[in-house]
Amino acid sequence: FTYKNLKYKVTKCTASTKEVSVTGTSKKKATSLNIPATV
């Protein structure tokens, strides 16, 4: 999925642990990136 111009892939989804990996951006000409702690 994409959220705030960043593309993510769900890597783990259990009742207690939910994790994603950032796989890229939809904004290739961005001058700054902020990879959040959570999404």
Full PDB file with SEQRES, HELIX, SHEET, SSBOND, CRYST1, ORIGX, SCALE, CONECT and MASTER records, all heavy atoms in Angstrom:
SEQRES   1 A   39  PHE THR TYR LYS ASN LEU LYS TYR LYS VAL THR LYS CYS          
SEQRES   2 A   39  THR ALA SER THR LYS GLU VAL SER VAL THR GLY THR SER          
SEQRES   3 A   39  LYS LYS LYS ALA THR SER LEU ASN ILE PRO ALA THR VAL          
SHEET    1 AA1 3 THR A   2  TYR A   3  0                                        
SHEET    2 AA1 3 LEU A   6  CYS A  13 -1                                        
SHEET    3 AA1 3 LYS A  18  THR A  25 -1                                        
CRYST1    1.000    1.000    1.000  90.00  90.00  90.00 P 1           1          
ORIGX1      1.000000  0.000000  0.000000        0.00000                         
ORIGX2      0.000000  1.000000  0.000000        0.00000                         
ORIGX3      0.000000  0.000000  1.000000        0.00000                         
SCALE1      1.000000  0.000000  0.000000        0.00000                         
SCALE2      0.000000  1.000000  0.000000        0.00000                         
SCALE3      0.000000  0.000000  1.000000        0.00000                         
ATOM      1  N   PHE A   1       0.835  -1.194   0.000  1.00  0.00           N  
ATOM      2  CA  PHE A   1       0.000   0.000   0.000  1.00  0.00           C  
ATOM      3  C   PHE A   1       0.867   1.240   0.000  1.00  0.00           C  
ATOM      4  O   PHE A   1       2.064   1.173   0.286  1.00  0.00           O  
ATOM      5  CB  PHE A   1      -0.964   0.008   1.208  1.00  0.00           C  
ATOM      6  CG  PHE A   1      -0.284   0.035   2.557  1.00  0.00           C  
ATOM      7  CD1 PHE A   1      -0.105   1.232   3.232  1.00  0.00           C  
ATOM      8  CD2 PHE A   1       0.151  -1.135   3.157  1.00  0.00           C  
ATOM      9  CE1 PHE A   1       0.512   1.266   4.478  1.00  0.00           C  
ATOM     10  CE2 PHE A   1       0.777  -1.106   4.406  1.00  0.00           C  
ATOM     11  CZ  PHE A   1       0.956   0.093   5.065  1.00  0.00           C  
ATOM     12  N   THR A   2       0.268   2.383  -0.350  1.00  0.00           N  
ATOM     13  CA  THR A   2       0.974   3.659  -0.361  1.00  0.00           C  
ATOM     14  C   THR A   2       0.315   4.573   0.660  1.00  0.00           C  
ATOM     15  O   THR A   2      -0.902   4.632   0.750  1.00  0.00           O  
ATOM     16  CB  THR A   2       0.908   4.308  -1.755  1.00  0.00           C  
ATOM     17  OG1 THR A   2       1.495   3.403  -2.698  1.00  0.00           O  
ATOM     18  CG2 THR A   2       1.671   5.627  -1.811  1.00  0.00           C  
ATOM     19  N   TYR A   3       1.140   5.245   1.459  1.00  0.00           N  
ATOM     20  CA  TYR A   3       0.645   6.179   2.464  1.00  0.00           C  
ATOM     21  C   TYR A   3       1.591   7.372   2.511  1.00  0.00           C  
ATOM     22  O   TYR A   3       2.801   7.196   2.687  1.00  0.00           O  
ATOM     23  CB  TYR A   3       0.576   5.482   3.833  1.00  0.00           C  
ATOM     24  CG  TYR A   3       0.035   6.346   4.950  1.00  0.00           C  
ATOM     25  CD1 TYR A   3      -1.329   6.601   5.058  1.00  0.00           C  
ATOM     26  CD2 TYR A   3       0.893   6.906   5.883  1.00  0.00           C  
ATOM     27  CE1 TYR A   3      -1.828   7.397   6.080  1.00  0.00           C  
ATOM     28  CE2 TYR A   3       0.398   7.704   6.906  1.00  0.00           C  
ATOM     29  CZ  TYR A   3      -0.963   7.939   7.004  1.00  0.00           C  
ATOM     30  OH  TYR A   3      -1.456   8.726   8.015  1.00  0.00           O  
ATOM     31  N   LYS A   4       1.069   8.565   2.320  1.00  0.00           N  
ATOM     32  CA  LYS A   4       1.864   9.806   2.307  1.00  0.00           C  
ATOM     33  C   LYS A   4       3.107   9.689   1.417  1.00  0.00           C  
ATOM     34  O   LYS A   4       4.229   9.920   1.849  1.00  0.00           O  
ATOM     35  CB  LYS A   4       2.253  10.211   3.733  1.00  0.00           C  
ATOM     36  CG  LYS A   4       1.071  10.641   4.565  1.00  0.00           C  
ATOM     37  CD  LYS A   4       1.506  11.269   5.860  1.00  0.00           C  
ATOM     38  CE  LYS A   4       0.300  11.742   6.654  1.00  0.00           C  
ATOM     39  NZ  LYS A   4       0.650  12.307   7.932  1.00  0.00           N  
ATOM     40  N   ASN A   5       2.904   9.310   0.171  1.00  0.00           N  
ATOM     41  CA  ASN A   5       3.952   9.203  -0.855  1.00  0.00           C  
ATOM     42  C   ASN A   5       4.973   8.094  -0.649  1.00  0.00           C  
ATOM     43  O   ASN A   5       5.923   7.986  -1.416  1.00  0.00           O  
ATOM     44  CB  ASN A   5       4.696  10.531  -1.063  1.00  0.00           C  
ATOM     45  CG  ASN A   5       3.778  11.607  -1.574  1.00  0.00           C  
ATOM     46  OD1 ASN A   5       2.919  11.338  -2.414  1.00  0.00           O  
ATOM     47  ND2 ASN A   5       3.917  12.809  -1.075  1.00  0.00           N  
ATOM     48  N   LEU A   6       4.837   7.277   0.402  1.00  0.00           N  
ATOM     49  CA  LEU A   6       5.766   6.167   0.592  1.00  0.00           C  
ATOM     50  C   LEU A   6       5.033   4.856   0.342  1.00  0.00           C  
ATOM     51  O   LEU A   6       3.863   4.704   0.697  1.00  0.00           O  
ATOM     52  CB  LEU A   6       6.355   6.174   2.009  1.00  0.00           C  
ATOM     53  CG  LEU A   6       7.318   7.313   2.328  1.00  0.00           C  
ATOM     54  CD1 LEU A   6       7.783   7.236   3.776  1.00  0.00           C  
ATOM     55  CD2 LEU A   6       8.517   7.303   1.406  1.00  0.00           C  
ATOM     56  N   LYS A   7       5.732   3.913  -0.277  1.00  0.00           N  
ATOM     57  CA  LYS A   7       5.151   2.603  -0.570  1.00  0.00           C  
ATOM     58  C   LYS A   7       5.600   1.610   0.500  1.00  0.00           C  
ATOM     59  O   LYS A   7       6.770   1.605   0.884  1.00  0.00           O  
ATOM     60  CB  LYS A   7       5.623   2.119  -1.945  1.00  0.00           C  
ATOM     61  CG  LYS A   7       5.138   2.977  -3.082  1.00  0.00           C  
ATOM     62  CD  LYS A   7       5.717   2.492  -4.402  1.00  0.00           C  
ATOM     63  CE  LYS A   7       5.309   3.396  -5.544  1.00  0.00           C  
ATOM     64  NZ  LYS A   7       5.933   2.976  -6.804  1.00  0.00           N  
ATOM     65  N   TYR A   8       4.662   0.794   0.951  1.00  0.00           N  
ATOM     66  CA  TYR A   8       4.938  -0.165   2.020  1.00  0.00           C  
ATOM     67  C   TYR A   8       4.527  -1.573   1.628  1.00  0.00           C  
ATOM     68  O   TYR A   8       3.632  -1.759   0.816  1.00  0.00           O  
ATOM     69  CB  TYR A   8       4.147   0.206   3.287  1.00  0.00           C  
ATOM     70  CG  TYR A   8       4.523   1.540   3.865  1.00  0.00           C  
ATOM     71  CD1 TYR A   8       3.818   2.690   3.524  1.00  0.00           C  
ATOM     72  CD2 TYR A   8       5.579   1.657   4.762  1.00  0.00           C  
ATOM     73  CE1 TYR A   8       4.156   3.924   4.061  1.00  0.00           C  
ATOM     74  CE2 TYR A   8       5.923   2.893   5.301  1.00  0.00           C  
ATOM     75  CZ  TYR A   8       5.203   4.013   4.938  1.00  0.00           C  
ATOM     76  OH  TYR A   8       5.548   5.224   5.466  1.00  0.00           O  
ATOM     77  N   LYS A   9       5.168  -2.540   2.263  1.00  0.00           N  
ATOM     78  CA  LYS A   9       4.808  -3.934   2.099  1.00  0.00           C  
ATOM     79  C   LYS A   9       4.634  -4.513   3.505  1.00  0.00           C  
ATOM     80  O   LYS A   9       5.512  -4.351   4.362  1.00  0.00           O  
ATOM     81  CB  LYS A   9       5.923  -4.681   1.362  1.00  0.00           C  
ATOM     82  CG  LYS A   9       5.620  -6.141   1.150  1.00  0.00           C  
ATOM     83  CD  LYS A   9       6.771  -6.814   0.422  1.00  0.00           C  
ATOM     84  CE  LYS A   9       6.456  -8.282   0.228  1.00  0.00           C  
ATOM     85  NZ  LYS A   9       7.606  -9.008  -0.276  1.00  0.00           N  
ATOM     86  N   VAL A  10       3.517  -5.182   3.738  1.00  0.00           N  
ATOM     87  CA  VAL A  10       3.279  -5.808   5.041  1.00  0.00           C  
ATOM     88  C   VAL A  10       4.219  -6.999   5.158  1.00  0.00           C  
ATOM     89  O   VAL A  10       4.232  -7.880   4.295  1.00  0.00           O  
ATOM     90  CB  VAL A  10       1.806  -6.260   5.191  1.00  0.00           C  
ATOM     91  CG1 VAL A  10       1.594  -6.993   6.507  1.00  0.00           C  
ATOM     92  CG2 VAL A  10       0.866  -5.067   5.078  1.00  0.00           C  
ATOM     93  N   THR A  11       5.033  -7.035   6.220  1.00  0.00           N  
ATOM     94  CA  THR A  11       5.977  -8.134   6.408  1.00  0.00           C  
ATOM     95  C   THR A  11       5.538  -9.068   7.529  1.00  0.00           C  
ATOM     96  O   THR A  11       5.902 -10.231   7.553  1.00  0.00           O  
ATOM     97  CB  THR A  11       7.401  -7.605   6.711  1.00  0.00           C  
ATOM     98  OG1 THR A  11       7.333  -6.691   7.804  1.00  0.00           O  
ATOM     99  CG2 THR A  11       7.989  -6.912   5.493  1.00  0.00           C  
ATOM    100  N   LYS A  12       4.760  -8.532   8.481  1.00  0.00           N  
ATOM    101  CA  LYS A  12       4.272  -9.361   9.580  1.00  0.00           C  
ATOM    102  C   LYS A  12       2.961  -8.778  10.077  1.00  0.00           C  
ATOM    103  O   LYS A  12       2.850  -7.583  10.296  1.00  0.00           O  
ATOM    104  CB  LYS A  12       5.301  -9.394  10.709  1.00  0.00           C  
ATOM    105  CG  LYS A  12       5.025 -10.429  11.762  1.00  0.00           C  
ATOM    106  CD  LYS A  12       6.209 -10.563  12.696  1.00  0.00           C  
ATOM    107  CE  LYS A  12       6.039 -11.776  13.572  1.00  0.00           C  
ATOM    108  NZ  LYS A  12       7.196 -11.963  14.439  1.00  0.00           N  
ATOM    109  N   CYS A  13       1.961  -9.646  10.258  1.00  0.00           N  
ATOM    110  CA  CYS A  13       0.674  -9.174  10.756  1.00  0.00           C  
ATOM    111  C   CYS A  13       0.039 -10.244  11.641  1.00  0.00           C  
ATOM    112  O   CYS A  13      -0.611 -11.162  11.153  1.00  0.00           O  
ATOM    113  CB  CYS A  13      -0.241  -8.789   9.597  1.00  0.00           C  
ATOM    114  SG  CYS A  13      -1.742  -7.966  10.160  1.00  0.00           S  
ATOM    115  N   THR A  14       0.316 -10.142  12.938  1.00  0.00           N  
ATOM    116  CA  THR A  14      -0.300 -11.028  13.913  1.00  0.00           C  
ATOM    117  C   THR A  14      -1.071 -10.158  14.896  1.00  0.00           C  
ATOM    118  O   THR A  14      -1.019  -8.927  14.820  1.00  0.00           O  
ATOM    119  CB  THR A  14       0.746 -11.863  14.685  1.00  0.00           C  
ATOM    120  OG1 THR A  14       1.533 -10.981  15.487  1.00  0.00           O  
ATOM    121  CG2 THR A  14       1.648 -12.653  13.742  1.00  0.00           C  
ATOM    122  N   ALA A  15      -1.755 -10.782  15.838  1.00  0.00           N  
ATOM    123  CA  ALA A  15      -2.521 -10.024  16.827  1.00  0.00           C  
ATOM    124  C   ALA A  15      -1.609  -9.117  17.646  1.00  0.00           C  
ATOM    125  O   ALA A  15      -1.985  -8.009  18.022  1.00  0.00           O  
ATOM    126  CB  ALA A  15      -3.292 -10.970  17.733  1.00  0.00           C  
ATOM    127  N   SER A  16      -0.373  -9.568  17.907  1.00  0.00           N  
ATOM    128  CA  SER A  16       0.523  -8.779  18.755  1.00  0.00           C  
ATOM    129  C   SER A  16       1.599  -8.008  17.991  1.00  0.00           C  
ATOM    130  O   SER A  16       2.166  -7.054  18.500  1.00  0.00           O  
ATOM    131  CB  SER A  16       1.194  -9.688  19.784  1.00  0.00           C  
ATOM    132  OG  SER A  16       1.939 -10.688  19.122  1.00  0.00           O  
ATOM    133  N   THR A  17       1.914  -8.399  16.767  1.00  0.00           N  
ATOM    134  CA  THR A  17       2.985  -7.755  16.005  1.00  0.00           C  
ATOM    135  C   THR A  17       2.517  -7.396  14.604  1.00  0.00           C  
ATOM    136  O   THR A  17       2.062  -8.267  13.861  1.00  0.00           O  
ATOM    137  CB  THR A  17       4.216  -8.691  15.903  1.00  0.00           C  
ATOM    138  OG1 THR A  17       4.555  -9.162  17.194  1.00  0.00           O  
ATOM    139  CG2 THR A  17       5.403  -7.965  15.313  1.00  0.00           C  
ATOM    140  N   LYS A  18       2.676  -6.135  14.268  1.00  0.00           N  
ATOM    141  CA  LYS A  18       2.324  -5.674  12.926  1.00  0.00           C  
ATOM    142  C   LYS A  18       3.497  -4.856  12.395  1.00  0.00           C  
ATOM    143  O   LYS A  18       3.853  -3.840  12.971  1.00  0.00           O  
ATOM    144  CB  LYS A  18       1.046  -4.835  12.968  1.00  0.00           C  
ATOM    145  CG  LYS A  18      -0.187  -5.652  13.324  1.00  0.00           C  
ATOM    146  CD  LYS A  18      -1.360  -4.761  13.669  1.00  0.00           C  
ATOM    147  CE  LYS A  18      -2.497  -5.554  14.258  1.00  0.00           C  
ATOM    148  NZ  LYS A  18      -2.179  -6.232  15.507  1.00  0.00           N  
ATOM    149  N   GLU A  19       4.120  -5.342  11.310  1.00  0.00           N  
ATOM    150  CA  GLU A  19       5.307  -4.683  10.770  1.00  0.00           C  
ATOM    151  C   GLU A  19       5.223  -4.521   9.260  1.00  0.00           C  
ATOM    152  O   GLU A  19       4.628  -5.346   8.571  1.00  0.00           O  
ATOM    153  CB  GLU A  19       6.566  -5.498  11.104  1.00  0.00           C  
ATOM    154  CG  GLU A  19       6.831  -5.622  12.583  1.00  0.00           C  
ATOM    155  CD  GLU A  19       8.034  -6.486  12.924  1.00  0.00           C  
ATOM    156  OE1 GLU A  19       8.577  -7.179  12.031  1.00  0.00           O  
ATOM    157  OE2 GLU A  19       8.428  -6.464  14.085  1.00  0.00           O  
ATOM    158  N   VAL A  20       5.854  -3.438   8.779  1.00  0.00           N  
ATOM    159  CA  VAL A  20       5.944  -3.181   7.342  1.00  0.00           C  
ATOM    160  C   VAL A  20       7.364  -2.794   6.963  1.00  0.00           C  
ATOM    161  O   VAL A  20       8.154  -2.376   7.808  1.00  0.00           O  
ATOM    162  CB  VAL A  20       4.981  -2.059   6.867  1.00  0.00           C  
ATOM    163  CG1 VAL A  20       3.531  -2.470   6.997  1.00  0.00           C  
ATOM    164  CG2 VAL A  20       5.244  -0.752   7.579  1.00  0.00           C  
ATOM    165  N   SER A  21       7.634  -2.926   5.663  1.00  0.00           N  
ATOM    166  CA  SER A  21       8.899  -2.512   5.077  1.00  0.00           C  
ATOM    167  C   SER A  21       8.588  -1.385   4.096  1.00  0.00           C  
ATOM    168  O   SER A  21       7.586  -1.447   3.388  1.00  0.00           O  
ATOM    169  CB  SER A  21       9.500  -3.702   4.328  1.00  0.00           C  
ATOM    170  OG  SER A  21      10.635  -3.308   3.593  1.00  0.00           O  
ATOM    171  N   VAL A  22       9.431  -0.353   4.066  1.00  0.00           N  
ATOM    172  CA  VAL A  22       9.282   0.722   3.078  1.00  0.00           C  
ATOM    173  C   VAL A  22       9.941   0.201   1.807  1.00  0.00           C  
ATOM    174  O   VAL A  22      11.094  -0.220   1.834  1.00  0.00           O  
ATOM    175  CB  VAL A  22       9.997   2.024   3.517  1.00  0.00           C  
ATOM    176  CG1 VAL A  22       9.773   3.129   2.508  1.00  0.00           C  
ATOM    177  CG2 VAL A  22       9.545   2.484   4.861  1.00  0.00           C  
ATOM    178  N   THR A  23       9.214   0.240   0.697  1.00  0.00           N  
ATOM    179  CA  THR A  23       9.758  -0.312  -0.547  1.00  0.00           C  
ATOM    180  C   THR A  23      10.069   0.751  -1.596  1.00  0.00           C  
ATOM    181  O   THR A  23      10.653   0.444  -2.623  1.00  0.00           O  
ATOM    182  CB  THR A  23       8.788  -1.344  -1.154  1.00  0.00           C  
ATOM    183  OG1 THR A  23       7.537  -0.693  -1.407  1.00  0.00           O  
ATOM    184  CG2 THR A  23       8.580  -2.528  -0.225  1.00  0.00           C  
ATOM    185  N   GLY A  24       9.663   1.993  -1.338  1.00  0.00           N  
ATOM    186  CA  GLY A  24       9.940   3.052  -2.301  1.00  0.00           C  
ATOM    187  C   GLY A  24       9.047   4.253  -2.072  1.00  0.00           C  
ATOM    188  O   GLY A  24       8.428   4.391  -1.020  1.00  0.00           O  
ATOM    189  N   THR A  25       8.990   5.118  -3.076  1.00  0.00           N  
ATOM    190  CA  THR A  25       8.174   6.318  -2.986  1.00  0.00           C  
ATOM    191  C   THR A  25       7.439   6.544  -4.302  1.00  0.00           C  
ATOM    192  O   THR A  25       7.923   6.134  -5.353  1.00  0.00           O  
ATOM    193  CB  THR A  25       9.023   7.557  -2.628  1.00  0.00           C  
ATOM    194  OG1 THR A  25       8.174   8.697  -2.558  1.00  0.00           O  
ATOM    195  CG2 THR A  25      10.126   7.811  -3.629  1.00  0.00           C  
ATOM    196  N   SER A  26       6.304   7.188  -4.204  1.00  0.00           N  
ATOM    197  CA  SER A  26       5.564   7.528  -5.423  1.00  0.00           C  
ATOM    198  C   SER A  26       5.993   8.901  -5.924  1.00  0.00           C  
ATOM    199  O   SER A  26       5.567   9.360  -6.967  1.00  0.00           O  
ATOM    200  CB  SER A  26       4.057   7.507  -5.147  1.00  0.00           C  
ATOM    201  OG  SER A  26       3.744   8.401  -4.107  1.00  0.00           O  
ATOM    202  N   LYS A  27       6.861   9.555  -5.166  1.00  0.00           N  
ATOM    203  CA  LYS A  27       7.330  10.900  -5.499  1.00  0.00           C  
ATOM    204  C   LYS A  27       8.844  10.851  -5.757  1.00  0.00           C  
ATOM    205  O   LYS A  27       9.648  11.163  -4.890  1.00  0.00           O  
ATOM    206  CB  LYS A  27       7.001  11.823  -4.308  1.00  0.00           C  
ATOM    207  CG  LYS A  27       6.865  13.262  -4.674  1.00  0.00           C  
ATOM    208  CD  LYS A  27       6.391  14.064  -3.469  1.00  0.00           C  
ATOM    209  CE  LYS A  27       6.512  15.535  -3.741  1.00  0.00           C  
ATOM    210  NZ  LYS A  27       6.278  16.327  -2.552  1.00  0.00           N  
ATOM    211  N   LYS A  28       9.215  10.436  -6.964  1.00  0.00           N  
ATOM    212  CA  LYS A  28      10.628  10.216  -7.311  1.00  0.00           C  
ATOM    213  C   LYS A  28      11.493  11.484  -7.268  1.00  0.00           C  
ATOM    214  O   LYS A  28      12.698  11.401  -7.139  1.00  0.00           O  
ATOM    215  CB  LYS A  28      10.743   9.588  -8.702  1.00  0.00           C  
ATOM    216  CG  LYS A  28      10.266   8.160  -8.746  1.00  0.00           C  
ATOM    217  CD  LYS A  28      11.261   7.243  -8.098  1.00  0.00           C  
ATOM    218  CE  LYS A  28      10.834   5.797  -8.193  1.00  0.00           C  
ATOM    219  NZ  LYS A  28      11.408   4.969  -7.175  1.00  0.00           N  
ATOM    220  N   LYS A  29      10.875  12.662  -7.373  1.00  0.00           N  
ATOM    221  CA  LYS A  29      11.651  13.901  -7.375  1.00  0.00           C  
ATOM    222  C   LYS A  29      11.649  14.588  -6.007  1.00  0.00           C  
ATOM    223  O   LYS A  29      11.991  15.762  -5.895  1.00  0.00           O  
ATOM    224  CB  LYS A  29      11.129  14.847  -8.461  1.00  0.00           C  
ATOM    225  CG  LYS A  29      11.304  14.267  -9.860  1.00  0.00           C  
ATOM    226  CD  LYS A  29      11.259  15.330 -10.925  1.00  0.00           C  
ATOM    227  CE  LYS A  29      11.323  14.788 -12.318  1.00  0.00           C  
ATOM    228  NZ  LYS A  29      12.513  14.123 -12.719  1.00  0.00           N  
ATOM    229  N   ALA A  30      11.314  13.871  -4.964  1.00  0.00           N  
ATOM    230  CA  ALA A  30      11.286  14.427  -3.603  1.00  0.00           C  
ATOM    231  C   ALA A  30      12.688  14.882  -3.187  1.00  0.00           C  
ATOM    232  O   ALA A  30      13.692  14.279  -3.559  1.00  0.00           O  
ATOM    233  CB  ALA A  30      10.776  13.395  -2.619  1.00  0.00           C  
ATOM    234  N   THR A  31      12.751  15.979  -2.427  1.00  0.00           N  
ATOM    235  CA  THR A  31      14.039  16.480  -1.946  1.00  0.00           C  
ATOM    236  C   THR A  31      14.303  16.027  -0.509  1.00  0.00           C  
ATOM    237  O   THR A  31      15.429  16.087  -0.041  1.00  0.00           O  
ATOM    238  CB  THR A  31      14.109  18.022  -2.010  1.00  0.00           C  
ATOM    239  OG1 THR A  31      13.020  18.550  -1.265  1.00  0.00           O  
ATOM    240  CG2 THR A  31      14.066  18.506  -3.447  1.00  0.00           C  
ATOM    241  N   SER A  32      13.245  15.594   0.192  1.00  0.00           N  
ATOM    242  CA  SER A  32      13.440  15.073   1.545  1.00  0.00           C  
ATOM    243  C   SER A  32      12.492  13.908   1.785  1.00  0.00           C  
ATOM    244  O   SER A  32      11.413  13.833   1.199  1.00  0.00           O  
ATOM    245  CB  SER A  32      13.221  16.164   2.593  1.00  0.00           C  
ATOM    246  OG  SER A  32      11.870  16.562   2.605  1.00  0.00           O  
ATOM    247  N   LEU A  33      12.933  12.994   2.645  1.00  0.00           N  
ATOM    248  CA  LEU A  33      12.135  11.824   2.999  1.00  0.00           C  
ATOM    249  C   LEU A  33      12.028  11.748   4.510  1.00  0.00           C  
ATOM    250  O   LEU A  33      13.008  11.992   5.217  1.00  0.00           O  
ATOM    251  CB  LEU A  33      12.830  10.541   2.550  1.00  0.00           C  
ATOM    252  CG  LEU A  33      12.735  10.101   1.117  1.00  0.00           C  
ATOM    253  CD1 LEU A  33      13.583   8.859   0.919  1.00  0.00           C  
ATOM    254  CD2 LEU A  33      11.303   9.809   0.723  1.00  0.00           C  
ATOM    255  N   ASN A  34      10.852  11.380   4.995  1.00  0.00           N  
ATOM    256  CA  ASN A  34      10.680  11.151   6.420  1.00  0.00           C  
ATOM    257  C   ASN A  34      10.047   9.774   6.577  1.00  0.00           C  
ATOM    258  O   ASN A  34       8.872   9.595   6.299  1.00  0.00           O  
ATOM    259  CB  ASN A  34       9.802  12.234   7.052  1.00  0.00           C  
ATOM    260  CG  ASN A  34       9.713  12.084   8.554  1.00  0.00           C  
ATOM    261  OD1 ASN A  34      10.484  11.354   9.166  1.00  0.00           O  
ATOM    262  ND2 ASN A  34       8.762  12.758   9.143  1.00  0.00           N  
ATOM    263  N   ILE A  35      10.858   8.817   6.966  1.00  0.00           N  
ATOM    264  CA  ILE A  35      10.361   7.467   7.160  1.00  0.00           C  
ATOM    265  C   ILE A  35       9.838   7.398   8.599  1.00  0.00           C  
ATOM    266  O   ILE A  35      10.611   7.532   9.545  1.00  0.00           O  
ATOM    267  CB  ILE A  35      11.470   6.433   6.890  1.00  0.00           C  
ATOM    268  CG1 ILE A  35      11.864   6.534   5.411  1.00  0.00           C  
ATOM    269  CG2 ILE A  35      10.991   5.034   7.224  1.00  0.00           C  
ATOM    270  CD1 ILE A  35      13.287   6.308   5.130  1.00  0.00           C  
ATOM    271  N   PRO A  36       8.530   7.232   8.769  1.00  0.00           N  
ATOM    272  CA  PRO A  36       7.943   7.293  10.107  1.00  0.00           C  
ATOM    273  C   PRO A  36       8.241   6.058  10.955  1.00  0.00           C  
ATOM    274  O   PRO A  36       8.690   5.029  10.440  1.00  0.00           O  
ATOM    275  CB  PRO A  36       6.441   7.398   9.814  1.00  0.00           C  
ATOM    276  CG  PRO A  36       6.269   6.682   8.523  1.00  0.00           C  
ATOM    277  CD  PRO A  36       7.530   6.936   7.736  1.00  0.00           C  
ATOM    278  N   ALA A  37       7.965   6.169  12.261  1.00  0.00           N  
ATOM    279  CA  ALA A  37       8.129   5.042  13.173  1.00  0.00           C  
ATOM    280  C   ALA A  37       6.987   4.050  12.968  1.00  0.00           C  
ATOM    281  O   ALA A  37       7.182   2.829  13.019  1.00  0.00           O  
ATOM    282  CB  ALA A  37       8.158   5.531  14.612  1.00  0.00           C  
ATOM    283  N   THR A  38       5.789   4.595  12.712  1.00  0.00           N  
ATOM    284  CA  THR A  38       4.609   3.756  12.496  1.00  0.00           C  
ATOM    285  C   THR A  38       3.777   4.319  11.355  1.00  0.00           C  
ATOM    286  O   THR A  38       3.898   5.487  11.009  1.00  0.00           O  
ATOM    287  CB  THR A  38       3.715   3.678  13.759  1.00  0.00           C  
ATOM    288  OG1 THR A  38       3.287   5.001  14.096  1.00  0.00           O  
ATOM    289  CG2 THR A  38       4.444   3.043  14.932  1.00  0.00           C  
ATOM    290  N   VAL A  39       2.916   3.465  10.805  1.00  0.00           N  
ATOM    291  CA  VAL A  39       2.014   3.866   9.732  1.00  0.00           C  
ATOM    292  C   VAL A  39       0.692   3.126   9.919  1.00  0.00           C  
ATOM    293  O   VAL A  39       0.682   1.992  10.395  1.00  0.00           O  
ATOM    294  CB  VAL A  39       2.660   3.590   8.351  1.00  0.00           C  
ATOM    295  CG1 VAL A  39       2.854   2.122   8.099  1.00  0.00           C  
ATOM    296  CG2 VAL A  39       1.888   4.222   7.227  1.00  0.00           C  
TER     297      VAL A  39                                                      
MASTER        0    0    0    0    3    0    0    6  296    1    0    3          
END                                                                             
